[in-house]
Every structure is written in C-alpha cells, then in structure tokens.
Amino acid sequence: MEAGSAHSCVCSGHRLKKNHRKILKGKRILILNHVANNRVMSLSSILRYINKNTKIPLSTLKFNVKLLLQEGFIEHDGLGEPIRLTCSGRKLLCHIEHQNRDNGLIS
C-alpha cells in the first residue's frame, strides 16, 4: 500500500502532468470512479460490474486497467484483494472534477 492516507493527497488545483493527460479517456475515468467508490471490491468484481452495466467488453476494461496500473493510478495486492486508488489516482480524479466544474458540467 502506498504511504500516506487520502488526507495527505491534496488536490493541487487544475494542473496535471503532461504525460498524465493521455489517461483522461472515458473508460479509464469510469474505472477510476468505480475504484474510488468501492473500497471492498476486487478488481474482477469491479470489472464485471462495469461490464454488466455498460456493456463495455471485459477485454477493453482489462486493457485500460493495465494502463492505469502501469501509470500508478491504481494498485492492488493480488487476486481477490480490494483495488484502490493511489495518491496520483485521487489527484487525477480531483483534477477531472475541477475541470468538469469549470466547464459547467457539475455544480
């Protein structure tokens, strides 16, 4: 598990590292949101849930999870263990929320 708690990962406004901008894709954001809101579900449970409710193929979801893991936005300890956001993942979601608020998509 990453050192520090959710409280130590402060959203720093609207700035996002240039190499992280590529992660801002719909399916990846969807996965990040589900991980953020489900602290007890395993990776496979979250992917099956998303697949069932959105009809996005499991292979597509697995590919996007692989990218999120490689970029360090999510982490997990192994099969059956809960998947969780890293500090970078929480900051990315915070950035997206600020961006949506600035664009009038949320209040």
PDB file of N, CA and C in Angstrom:
ATOM      1  N   MET A   1       0.840  -1.187   0.000  1.00  0.00           N
ATOM      2  CA  MET A   1       0.000   0.000   0.000  1.00  0.00           C
ATOM      3  C   MET A   1       0.878   1.241   0.000  1.00  0.00           C
ATOM      4  N   GLU A   2       0.424   2.240  -0.663  1.00  0.00           N
ATOM      5  CA  GLU A   2       1.175   3.482  -0.779  1.00  0.00           C
ATOM      6  C   GLU A   2       1.205   4.200   0.566  1.00  0.00           C
ATOM      7  N   ALA A   3       2.334   4.798   0.866  1.00  0.00           N
ATOM      8  CA  ALA A   3       2.455   5.532   2.128  1.00  0.00           C
ATOM      9  C   ALA A   3       1.554   6.749   2.119  1.00  0.00           C
ATOM     10  N   GLY A   4       0.992   7.053   3.265  1.00  0.00           N
ATOM     11  CA  GLY A   4       0.131   8.232   3.381  1.00  0.00           C
ATOM     12  C   GLY A   4      -1.326   7.858   3.265  1.00  0.00           C
ATOM     13  N   SER A   5      -2.154   8.708   3.752  1.00  0.00           N
ATOM     14  CA  SER A   5      -3.594   8.476   3.700  1.00  0.00           C
ATOM     15  C   SER A   5      -4.217   9.350   2.629  1.00  0.00           C
ATOM     16  N   ALA A   6      -5.513   9.189   2.465  1.00  0.00           N
ATOM     17  CA  ALA A   6      -6.235  10.005   1.489  1.00  0.00           C
ATOM     18  C   ALA A   6      -6.100  11.482   1.824  1.00  0.00           C
ATOM     19  N   HIS A   7      -5.937  11.775   3.114  1.00  0.00           N
ATOM     20  CA  HIS A   7      -5.843  13.173   3.532  1.00  0.00           C
ATOM     21  C   HIS A   7      -4.515  13.801   3.127  1.00  0.00           C
ATOM     22  N   SER A   8      -3.486  12.987   2.901  1.00  0.00           N
ATOM     23  CA  SER A   8      -2.189  13.544   2.524  1.00  0.00           C
ATOM     24  C   SER A   8      -2.096  13.801   1.026  1.00  0.00           C
ATOM     25  N   CYS A   9      -3.079  13.355   0.262  1.00  0.00           N
ATOM     26  CA  CYS A   9      -3.092  13.550  -1.185  1.00  0.00           C
ATOM     27  C   CYS A   9      -3.979  14.737  -1.514  1.00  0.00           C
ATOM     28  N   VAL A  10      -3.431  15.900  -1.391  1.00  0.00           N
ATOM     29  CA  VAL A  10      -4.199  17.126  -1.579  1.00  0.00           C
ATOM     30  C   VAL A  10      -4.299  17.439  -3.062  1.00  0.00           C
ATOM     31  N   CYS A  11      -5.495  17.765  -3.477  1.00  0.00           N
ATOM     32  CA  CYS A  11      -5.709  18.189  -4.856  1.00  0.00           C
ATOM     33  C   CYS A  11      -5.051  19.545  -5.028  1.00  0.00           C
ATOM     34  N   SER A  12      -4.216  19.656  -6.027  1.00  0.00           N
ATOM     35  CA  SER A  12      -3.471  20.896  -6.221  1.00  0.00           C
ATOM     36  C   SER A  12      -4.027  21.720  -7.372  1.00  0.00           C
ATOM     37  N   GLY A  13      -5.326  21.786  -7.460  1.00  0.00           N
ATOM     38  CA  GLY A  13      -5.941  22.652  -8.468  1.00  0.00           C
ATOM     39  C   GLY A  13      -6.040  22.007  -9.825  1.00  0.00           C
ATOM     40  N   HIS A  14      -5.786  22.780 -10.838  1.00  0.00           N
ATOM     41  CA  HIS A  14      -6.079  22.373 -12.201  1.00  0.00           C
ATOM     42  C   HIS A  14      -4.881  21.834 -12.970  1.00  0.00           C
ATOM     43  N   ARG A  15      -3.709  21.877 -12.423  1.00  0.00           N
ATOM     44  CA  ARG A  15      -2.529  21.461 -13.161  1.00  0.00           C
ATOM     45  C   ARG A  15      -2.421  19.945 -13.170  1.00  0.00           C
ATOM     46  N   LEU A  16      -2.055  19.411 -14.332  1.00  0.00           N
ATOM     47  CA  LEU A  16      -1.899  17.980 -14.496  1.00  0.00           C
ATOM     48  C   LEU A  16      -0.627  17.747 -15.297  1.00  0.00           C
ATOM     49  N   LYS A  17       0.145  16.764 -14.877  1.00  0.00           N
ATOM     50  CA  LYS A  17       1.377  16.471 -15.603  1.00  0.00           C
ATOM     51  C   LYS A  17       1.047  16.133 -17.047  1.00  0.00           C
ATOM     52  N   LYS A  18       1.899  16.580 -17.945  1.00  0.00           N
ATOM     53  CA  LYS A  18       1.658  16.405 -19.370  1.00  0.00           C
ATOM     54  C   LYS A  18       1.493  14.931 -19.738  1.00  0.00           C
ATOM     55  N   ASN A  19       2.323  14.039 -19.157  1.00  0.00           N
ATOM     56  CA  ASN A  19       2.237  12.627 -19.503  1.00  0.00           C
ATOM     57  C   ASN A  19       1.008  11.950 -18.907  1.00  0.00           C
ATOM     58  N   HIS A  20       0.293  12.617 -18.004  1.00  0.00           N
ATOM     59  CA  HIS A  20      -0.921  12.050 -17.435  1.00  0.00           C
ATOM     60  C   HIS A  20      -2.161  12.435 -18.222  1.00  0.00           C
ATOM     61  N   ARG A  21      -2.046  13.388 -19.114  1.00  0.00           N
ATOM     62  CA  ARG A  21      -3.215  13.814 -19.891  1.00  0.00           C
ATOM     63  C   ARG A  21      -3.764  12.690 -20.756  1.00  0.00           C
ATOM     64  N   LYS A  22      -2.885  11.781 -21.190  1.00  0.00           N
ATOM     65  CA  LYS A  22      -3.339  10.686 -22.044  1.00  0.00           C
ATOM     66  C   LYS A  22      -4.260   9.725 -21.305  1.00  0.00           C
ATOM     67  N   ILE A  23      -4.226   9.739 -19.993  1.00  0.00           N
ATOM     68  CA  ILE A  23      -5.052   8.839 -19.197  1.00  0.00           C
ATOM     69  C   ILE A  23      -6.496   9.314 -19.162  1.00  0.00           C
ATOM     70  N   LEU A  24      -6.740  10.582 -19.523  1.00  0.00           N
ATOM     71  CA  LEU A  24      -8.081  11.167 -19.433  1.00  0.00           C
ATOM     72  C   LEU A  24      -8.988  10.672 -20.562  1.00  0.00           C
ATOM     73  N   LYS A  25      -9.300   9.407 -20.540  1.00  0.00           N
ATOM     74  CA  LYS A  25     -10.199   8.785 -21.506  1.00  0.00           C
ATOM     75  C   LYS A  25     -11.418   8.292 -20.753  1.00  0.00           C
ATOM     76  N   GLY A  26     -12.559   8.249 -21.408  1.00  0.00           N
ATOM     77  CA  GLY A  26     -13.823   7.906 -20.767  1.00  0.00           C
ATOM     78  C   GLY A  26     -13.818   6.605 -19.991  1.00  0.00           C
ATOM     79  N   LYS A  27     -13.320   5.534 -20.593  1.00  0.00           N
ATOM     80  CA  LYS A  27     -13.342   4.232 -19.925  1.00  0.00           C
ATOM     81  C   LYS A  27     -12.424   4.219 -18.711  1.00  0.00           C
ATOM     82  N   ARG A  28     -11.297   4.889 -18.795  1.00  0.00           N
ATOM     83  CA  ARG A  28     -10.364   4.929 -17.669  1.00  0.00           C
ATOM     84  C   ARG A  28     -10.926   5.761 -16.523  1.00  0.00           C
ATOM     85  N   ILE A  29     -11.580   6.850 -16.861  1.00  0.00           N
ATOM     86  CA  ILE A  29     -12.212   7.675 -15.827  1.00  0.00           C
ATOM     87  C   ILE A  29     -13.327   6.882 -15.152  1.00  0.00           C
ATOM     88  N   LEU A  30     -14.097   6.140 -15.935  1.00  0.00           N
ATOM     89  CA  LEU A  30     -15.155   5.301 -15.394  1.00  0.00           C
ATOM     90  C   LEU A  30     -14.576   4.283 -14.400  1.00  0.00           C
ATOM     91  N   ILE A  31     -13.489   3.642 -14.770  1.00  0.00           N
ATOM     92  CA  ILE A  31     -12.838   2.669 -13.889  1.00  0.00           C
ATOM     93  C   ILE A  31     -12.345   3.355 -12.623  1.00  0.00           C
ATOM     94  N   LEU A  32     -11.676   4.493 -12.763  1.00  0.00           N
ATOM     95  CA  LEU A  32     -11.171   5.224 -11.594  1.00  0.00           C
ATOM     96  C   LEU A  32     -12.310   5.604 -10.644  1.00  0.00           C
ATOM     97  N   ASN A  33     -13.423   6.062 -11.190  1.00  0.00           N
ATOM     98  CA  ASN A  33     -14.568   6.430 -10.352  1.00  0.00           C
ATOM     99  C   ASN A  33     -15.106   5.225  -9.593  1.00  0.00           C
ATOM    100  N   HIS A  34     -15.198   4.086 -10.256  1.00  0.00           N
ATOM    101  CA  HIS A  34     -15.688   2.884  -9.580  1.00  0.00           C
ATOM    102  C   HIS A  34     -14.718   2.424  -8.497  1.00  0.00           C
ATOM    103  N   VAL A  35     -13.436   2.508  -8.765  1.00  0.00           N
ATOM    104  CA  VAL A  35     -12.443   2.135  -7.756  1.00  0.00           C
ATOM    105  C   VAL A  35     -12.548   3.076  -6.556  1.00  0.00           C
ATOM    106  N   ALA A  36     -12.711   4.356  -6.814  1.00  0.00           N
ATOM    107  CA  ALA A  36     -12.806   5.342  -5.734  1.00  0.00           C
ATOM    108  C   ALA A  36     -14.036   5.108  -4.857  1.00  0.00           C
ATOM    109  N   ASN A  37     -15.112   4.639  -5.450  1.00  0.00           N
ATOM    110  CA  ASN A  37     -16.373   4.476  -4.725  1.00  0.00           C
ATOM    111  C   ASN A  37     -16.607   3.076  -4.172  1.00  0.00           C
ATOM    112  N   ASN A  38     -15.688   2.136  -4.427  1.00  0.00           N
ATOM    113  CA  ASN A  38     -15.845   0.756  -3.974  1.00  0.00           C
ATOM    114  C   ASN A  38     -14.566   0.290  -3.313  1.00  0.00           C
ATOM    115  N   ARG A  39     -14.478   0.486  -2.028  1.00  0.00           N
ATOM    116  CA  ARG A  39     -13.243   0.176  -1.299  1.00  0.00           C
ATOM    117  C   ARG A  39     -13.090  -1.291  -0.929  1.00  0.00           C
ATOM    118  N   VAL A  40     -14.111  -2.103  -1.152  1.00  0.00           N
ATOM    119  CA  VAL A  40     -14.022  -3.502  -0.750  1.00  0.00           C
ATOM    120  C   VAL A  40     -14.072  -4.469  -1.929  1.00  0.00           C
ATOM    121  N   MET A  41     -14.378  -3.981  -3.117  1.00  0.00           N
ATOM    122  CA  MET A  41     -14.500  -4.864  -4.276  1.00  0.00           C
ATOM    123  C   MET A  41     -13.138  -5.193  -4.873  1.00  0.00           C
ATOM    124  N   SER A  42     -13.023  -6.416  -5.355  1.00  0.00           N
ATOM    125  CA  SER A  42     -11.799  -6.830  -6.043  1.00  0.00           C
ATOM    126  C   SER A  42     -11.821  -6.267  -7.463  1.00  0.00           C
ATOM    127  N   LEU A  43     -10.690  -6.339  -8.111  1.00  0.00           N
ATOM    128  CA  LEU A  43     -10.576  -5.862  -9.491  1.00  0.00           C
ATOM    129  C   LEU A  43     -11.565  -6.578 -10.396  1.00  0.00           C
ATOM    130  N   SER A  44     -11.620  -7.903 -10.306  1.00  0.00           N
ATOM    131  CA  SER A  44     -12.521  -8.652 -11.188  1.00  0.00           C
ATOM    132  C   SER A  44     -13.987  -8.314 -10.898  1.00  0.00           C
ATOM    133  N   SER A  45     -14.336  -8.084  -9.640  1.00  0.00           N
ATOM    134  CA  SER A  45     -15.718  -7.711  -9.293  1.00  0.00           C
ATOM    135  C   SER A  45     -16.088  -6.361  -9.894  1.00  0.00           C
ATOM    136  N   ILE A  46     -15.185  -5.406  -9.797  1.00  0.00           N
ATOM    137  CA  ILE A  46     -15.444  -4.081 -10.369  1.00  0.00           C
ATOM    138  C   ILE A  46     -15.580  -4.170 -11.881  1.00  0.00           C
ATOM    139  N   LEU A  47     -14.708  -4.918 -12.526  1.00  0.00           N
ATOM    140  CA  LEU A  47     -14.768  -5.034 -13.984  1.00  0.00           C
ATOM    141  C   LEU A  47     -16.048  -5.737 -14.434  1.00  0.00           C
ATOM    142  N   ARG A  48     -16.463  -6.778 -13.729  1.00  0.00           N
ATOM    143  CA  ARG A  48     -17.718  -7.457 -14.079  1.00  0.00           C
ATOM    144  C   ARG A  48     -18.911  -6.520 -13.887  1.00  0.00           C
ATOM    145  N   TYR A  49     -18.887  -5.729 -12.813  1.00  0.00           N
ATOM    146  CA  TYR A  49     -19.964  -4.773 -12.554  1.00  0.00           C
ATOM    147  C   TYR A  49     -20.048  -3.736 -13.683  1.00  0.00           C
ATOM    148  N   ILE A  50     -18.904  -3.166 -14.054  1.00  0.00           N
ATOM    149  CA  ILE A  50     -18.890  -2.169 -15.133  1.00  0.00           C
ATOM    150  C   ILE A  50     -19.357  -2.801 -16.436  1.00  0.00           C
ATOM    151  N   ASN A  51     -18.855  -4.000 -16.739  1.00  0.00           N
ATOM    152  CA  ASN A  51     -19.239  -4.714 -17.959  1.00  0.00           C
ATOM    153  C   ASN A  51     -20.744  -4.955 -18.010  1.00  0.00           C
ATOM    154  N   LYS A  52     -21.305  -5.397 -16.908  1.00  0.00           N
ATOM    155  CA  LYS A  52     -22.741  -5.701 -16.858  1.00  0.00           C
ATOM    156  C   LYS A  52     -23.586  -4.449 -17.067  1.00  0.00           C
ATOM    157  N   ASN A  53     -23.149  -3.321 -16.501  1.00  0.00           N
ATOM    158  CA  ASN A  53     -23.954  -2.099 -16.549  1.00  0.00           C
ATOM    159  C   ASN A  53     -23.688  -1.215 -17.757  1.00  0.00           C
ATOM    160  N   THR A  54     -22.565  -1.399 -18.423  1.00  0.00           N
ATOM    161  CA  THR A  54     -22.241  -0.536 -19.566  1.00  0.00           C
ATOM    162  C   THR A  54     -22.064  -1.293 -20.878  1.00  0.00           C
ATOM    163  N   LYS A  55     -21.937  -2.608 -20.781  1.00  0.00           N
ATOM    164  CA  LYS A  55     -21.693  -3.471 -21.956  1.00  0.00           C
ATOM    165  C   LYS A  55     -20.329  -3.228 -22.600  1.00  0.00           C
ATOM    166  N   ILE A  56     -19.417  -2.568 -21.887  1.00  0.00           N
ATOM    167  CA  ILE A  56     -18.038  -2.438 -22.376  1.00  0.00           C
ATOM    168  C   ILE A  56     -17.396  -3.813 -22.242  1.00  0.00           C
ATOM    169  N   PRO A  57     -16.778  -4.330 -23.303  1.00  0.00           N
ATOM    170  CA  PRO A  57     -16.182  -5.667 -23.237  1.00  0.00           C
ATOM    171  C   PRO A  57     -15.129  -5.777 -22.120  1.00  0.00           C
ATOM    172  N   LEU A  58     -15.099  -6.943 -21.463  1.00  0.00           N
ATOM    173  CA  LEU A  58     -14.130  -7.166 -20.390  1.00  0.00           C
ATOM    174  C   LEU A  58     -12.697  -6.977 -20.879  1.00  0.00           C
ATOM    175  N   SER A  59     -12.420  -7.394 -22.111  1.00  0.00           N
ATOM    176  CA  SER A  59     -11.059  -7.249 -22.637  1.00  0.00           C
ATOM    177  C   SER A  59     -10.651  -5.782 -22.721  1.00  0.00           C
ATOM    178  N   THR A  60     -11.577  -4.916 -23.085  1.00  0.00           N
ATOM    179  CA  THR A  60     -11.308  -3.476 -23.142  1.00  0.00           C
ATOM    180  C   THR A  60     -11.064  -2.925 -21.748  1.00  0.00           C
ATOM    181  N   LEU A  61     -11.888  -3.353 -20.794  1.00  0.00           N
ATOM    182  CA  LEU A  61     -11.719  -2.899 -19.415  1.00  0.00           C
ATOM    183  C   LEU A  61     -10.375  -3.362 -18.851  1.00  0.00           C
ATOM    184  N   LYS A  62     -10.013  -4.616 -19.116  1.00  0.00           N
ATOM    185  CA  LYS A  62      -8.738  -5.154 -18.620  1.00  0.00           C
ATOM    186  C   LYS A  62      -7.555  -4.389 -19.218  1.00  0.00           C
ATOM    187  N   PHE A  63      -7.641  -4.054 -20.502  1.00  0.00           N
ATOM    188  CA  PHE A  63      -6.581  -3.279 -21.151  1.00  0.00           C
ATOM    189  C   PHE A  63      -6.423  -1.922 -20.462  1.00  0.00           C
ATOM    190  N   ASN A  64      -7.534  -1.262 -20.187  1.00  0.00           N
ATOM    191  CA  ASN A  64      -7.489   0.052 -19.544  1.00  0.00           C
ATOM    192  C   ASN A  64      -6.996  -0.032 -18.104  1.00  0.00           C
ATOM    193  N   VAL A  65      -7.351  -1.106 -17.393  1.00  0.00           N
ATOM    194  CA  VAL A  65      -6.837  -1.309 -16.035  1.00  0.00           C
ATOM    195  C   VAL A  65      -5.328  -1.501 -16.072  1.00  0.00           C
ATOM    196  N   LYS A  66      -4.857  -2.244 -17.047  1.00  0.00           N
ATOM    197  CA  LYS A  66      -3.409  -2.456 -17.186  1.00  0.00           C
ATOM    198  C   LYS A  66      -2.688  -1.115 -17.326  1.00  0.00           C
ATOM    199  N   LEU A  67      -3.240  -0.226 -18.134  1.00  0.00           N
ATOM    200  CA  LEU A  67      -2.642   1.101 -18.306  1.00  0.00           C
ATOM    201  C   LEU A  67      -2.680   1.907 -17.013  1.00  0.00           C
ATOM    202  N   LEU A  68      -3.803   1.839 -16.296  1.00  0.00           N
ATOM    203  CA  LEU A  68      -3.922   2.562 -15.028  1.00  0.00           C
ATOM    204  C   LEU A  68      -2.935   2.028 -13.991  1.00  0.00           C
ATOM    205  N   LEU A  69      -2.736   0.716 -13.975  1.00  0.00           N
ATOM    206  CA  LEU A  69      -1.747   0.120 -13.062  1.00  0.00           C
ATOM    207  C   LEU A  69      -0.336   0.560 -13.438  1.00  0.00           C
ATOM    208  N   GLN A  70      -0.018   0.507 -14.730  1.00  0.00           N
ATOM    209  CA  GLN A  70       1.315   0.903 -15.194  1.00  0.00           C
ATOM    210  C   GLN A  70       1.624   2.361 -14.902  1.00  0.00           C
ATOM    211  N   GLU A  71       0.616   3.216 -15.015  1.00  0.00           N
ATOM    212  CA  GLU A  71       0.809   4.644 -14.765  1.00  0.00           C
ATOM    213  C   GLU A  71       0.788   4.979 -13.277  1.00  0.00           C
ATOM    214  N   GLY A  72       0.427   3.996 -12.438  1.00  0.00           N
ATOM    215  CA  GLY A  72       0.456   4.200 -10.995  1.00  0.00           C
ATOM    216  C   GLY A  72      -0.765   4.905 -10.423  1.00  0.00           C
ATOM    217  N   PHE A  73      -1.919   4.813 -11.105  1.00  0.00           N
ATOM    218  CA  PHE A  73      -3.135   5.452 -10.618  1.00  0.00           C
ATOM    219  C   PHE A  73      -3.967   4.536  -9.726  1.00  0.00           C
ATOM    220  N   ILE A  74      -3.781   3.216  -9.890  1.00  0.00           N
ATOM    221  CA  ILE A  74      -4.463   2.245  -9.051  1.00  0.00           C
ATOM    222  C   ILE A  74      -3.452   1.199  -8.610  1.00  0.00           C
ATOM    223  N   GLU A  75      -3.817   0.477  -7.539  1.00  0.00           N
ATOM    224  CA  GLU A  75      -2.949  -0.590  -7.032  1.00  0.00           C
ATOM    225  C   GLU A  75      -3.795  -1.649  -6.353  1.00  0.00           C
ATOM    226  N   HIS A  76      -3.240  -2.859  -6.299  1.00  0.00           N
ATOM    227  CA  HIS A  76      -3.894  -3.929  -5.539  1.00  0.00           C
ATOM    228  C   HIS A  76      -2.840  -4.950  -5.137  1.00  0.00           C
ATOM    229  N   ASP A  77      -3.174  -5.724  -4.106  1.00  0.00           N
ATOM    230  CA  ASP A  77      -2.215  -6.666  -3.533  1.00  0.00           C
ATOM    231  C   ASP A  77      -2.303  -8.061  -4.126  1.00  0.00           C
ATOM    232  N   GLY A  78      -3.254  -8.323  -4.976  1.00  0.00           N
ATOM    233  CA  GLY A  78      -3.356  -9.639  -5.593  1.00  0.00           C
ATOM    234  C   GLY A  78      -4.791 -10.064  -5.806  1.00  0.00           C
ATOM    235  N   LEU A  79      -4.947 -11.305  -6.273  1.00  0.00           N
ATOM    236  CA  LEU A  79      -6.264 -11.835  -6.583  1.00  0.00           C
ATOM    237  C   LEU A  79      -7.188 -11.788  -5.374  1.00  0.00           C
ATOM    238  N   GLY A  80      -8.382 -11.293  -5.601  1.00  0.00           N
ATOM    239  CA  GLY A  80      -9.392 -11.239  -4.558  1.00  0.00           C
ATOM    240  C   GLY A  80      -9.251 -10.082  -3.588  1.00  0.00           C
ATOM    241  N   GLU A  81      -8.152  -9.378  -3.648  1.00  0.00           N
ATOM    242  CA  GLU A  81      -7.928  -8.242  -2.746  1.00  0.00           C
ATOM    243  C   GLU A  81      -8.557  -6.980  -3.336  1.00  0.00           C
ATOM    244  N   PRO A  82      -9.015  -6.073  -2.471  1.00  0.00           N
ATOM    245  CA  PRO A  82      -9.604  -4.824  -2.979  1.00  0.00           C
ATOM    246  C   PRO A  82      -8.592  -4.019  -3.790  1.00  0.00           C
ATOM    247  N   ILE A  83      -9.096  -3.398  -4.818  1.00  0.00           N
ATOM    248  CA  ILE A  83      -8.267  -2.499  -5.625  1.00  0.00           C
ATOM    249  C   ILE A  83      -8.505  -1.092  -5.102  1.00  0.00           C
ATOM    250  N   ARG A  84      -7.500  -0.240  -5.166  1.00  0.00           N
ATOM    251  CA  ARG A  84      -7.646   1.102  -4.609  1.00  0.00           C
ATOM    252  C   ARG A  84      -6.874   2.125  -5.447  1.00  0.00           C
ATOM    253  N   LEU A  85      -7.292   3.364  -5.283  1.00  0.00           N
ATOM    254  CA  LEU A  85      -6.600   4.473  -5.934  1.00  0.00           C
ATOM    255  C   LEU A  85      -5.308   4.771  -5.190  1.00  0.00           C
ATOM    256  N   THR A  86      -4.307   5.182  -5.921  1.00  0.00           N
ATOM    257  CA  THR A  86      -3.095   5.707  -5.312  1.00  0.00           C
ATOM    258  C   THR A  86      -3.300   7.200  -5.101  1.00  0.00           C
ATOM    259  N   CYS A  87      -2.343   7.827  -4.492  1.00  0.00           N
ATOM    260  CA  CYS A  87      -2.398   9.278  -4.319  1.00  0.00           C
ATOM    261  C   CYS A  87      -2.520   9.955  -5.694  1.00  0.00           C
ATOM    262  N   SER A  88      -1.770   9.474  -6.672  1.00  0.00           N
ATOM    263  CA  SER A  88      -1.844  10.037  -8.028  1.00  0.00           C
ATOM    264  C   SER A  88      -3.236   9.864  -8.622  1.00  0.00           C
ATOM    265  N   GLY A  89      -3.864   8.730  -8.363  1.00  0.00           N
ATOM    266  CA  GLY A  89      -5.215   8.481  -8.862  1.00  0.00           C
ATOM    267  C   GLY A  89      -6.229   9.422  -8.246  1.00  0.00           C
ATOM    268  N   ARG A  90      -6.093   9.670  -6.941  1.00  0.00           N
ATOM    269  CA  ARG A  90      -7.002  10.612  -6.274  1.00  0.00           C
ATOM    270  C   ARG A  90      -6.797  12.025  -6.819  1.00  0.00           C
ATOM    271  N   LYS A  91      -5.551  12.408  -7.055  1.00  0.00           N
ATOM    272  CA  LYS A  91      -5.281  13.736  -7.613  1.00  0.00           C
ATOM    273  C   LYS A  91      -5.850  13.862  -9.022  1.00  0.00           C
ATOM    274  N   LEU A  92      -5.751  12.792  -9.811  1.00  0.00           N
ATOM    275  CA  LEU A  92      -6.294  12.816 -11.163  1.00  0.00           C
ATOM    276  C   LEU A  92      -7.807  13.000 -11.144  1.00  0.00           C
ATOM    277  N   LEU A  93      -8.493  12.260 -10.280  1.00  0.00           N
ATOM    278  CA  LEU A  93      -9.947  12.434 -10.169  1.00  0.00           C
ATOM    279  C   LEU A  93     -10.309  13.833  -9.693  1.00  0.00           C
ATOM    280  N   CYS A  94      -9.521  14.379  -8.781  1.00  0.00           N
ATOM    281  CA  CYS A  94      -9.746  15.746  -8.314  1.00  0.00           C
ATOM    282  C   CYS A  94      -9.598  16.721  -9.481  1.00  0.00           C
ATOM    283  N   HIS A  95      -8.584  16.523 -10.299  1.00  0.00           N
ATOM    284  CA  HIS A  95      -8.377  17.379 -11.470  1.00  0.00           C
ATOM    285  C   HIS A  95      -9.583  17.307 -12.409  1.00  0.00           C
ATOM    286  N   ILE A  96     -10.073  16.104 -12.641  1.00  0.00           N
ATOM    287  CA  ILE A  96     -11.223  15.921 -13.531  1.00  0.00           C
ATOM    288  C   ILE A  96     -12.442  16.634 -12.965  1.00  0.00           C
ATOM    289  N   GLU A  97     -12.639  16.524 -11.652  1.00  0.00           N
ATOM    290  CA  GLU A  97     -13.767  17.213 -11.010  1.00  0.00           C
ATOM    291  C   GLU A  97     -13.661  18.727 -11.186  1.00  0.00           C
ATOM    292  N   HIS A  98     -12.454  19.283 -10.993  1.00  0.00           N
ATOM    293  CA  HIS A  98     -12.254  20.727 -11.194  1.00  0.00           C
ATOM    294  C   HIS A  98     -12.525  21.114 -12.643  1.00  0.00           C
ATOM    295  N   GLN A  99     -12.049  20.295 -13.564  1.00  0.00           N
ATOM    296  CA  GLN A  99     -12.234  20.564 -14.987  1.00  0.00           C
ATOM    297  C   GLN A  99     -13.716  20.557 -15.346  1.00  0.00           C
ATOM    298  N   ASN A 100     -14.452  19.572 -14.819  1.00  0.00           N
ATOM    299  CA  ASN A 100     -15.897  19.490 -15.095  1.00  0.00           C
ATOM    300  C   ASN A 100     -16.629  20.677 -14.473  1.00  0.00           C
ATOM    301  N   ARG A 101     -16.215  21.089 -13.285  1.00  0.00           N
ATOM    302  CA  ARG A 101     -16.843  22.235 -12.620  1.00  0.00           C
ATOM    303  C   ARG A 101     -16.583  23.511 -13.433  1.00  0.00           C
ATOM    304  N   ASP A 102     -15.353  23.664 -13.923  1.00  0.00           N
ATOM    305  CA  ASP A 102     -15.012  24.846 -14.724  1.00  0.00           C
ATOM    306  C   ASP A 102     -15.786  24.889 -16.024  1.00  0.00           C
ATOM    307  N   ASN A 103     -16.085  23.704 -16.573  1.00  0.00           N
ATOM    308  CA  ASN A 103     -16.821  23.627 -17.831  1.00  0.00           C
ATOM    309  C   ASN A 103     -18.326  23.624 -17.631  1.00  0.00           C
ATOM    310  N   GLY A 104     -18.785  23.758 -16.381  1.00  0.00           N
ATOM    311  CA  GLY A 104     -20.201  23.814 -16.095  1.00  0.00           C
ATOM    312  C   GLY A 104     -20.906  22.473 -16.146  1.00  0.00           C
ATOM    313  N   LEU A 105     -20.128  21.375 -16.128  1.00  0.00           N
ATOM    314  CA  LEU A 105     -20.736  20.050 -16.204  1.00  0.00           C
ATOM    315  C   LEU A 105     -21.263  19.584 -14.857  1.00  0.00           C
ATOM    316  N   ILE A 106     -20.687  20.110 -13.757  1.00  0.00           N
ATOM    317  CA  ILE A 106     -21.190  19.818 -12.417  1.00  0.00           C
ATOM    318  C   ILE A 106     -21.205  21.118 -11.627  1.00  0.00           C
ATOM    319  N   SER A 107     -22.027  21.160 -10.582  1.00  0.00           N
ATOM    320  CA  SER A 107     -22.096  22.387  -9.783  1.00  0.00           C
ATOM    321  C   SER A 107     -21.430  22.186  -8.446  1.00  0.00           C
TER     322      SER A 107
END
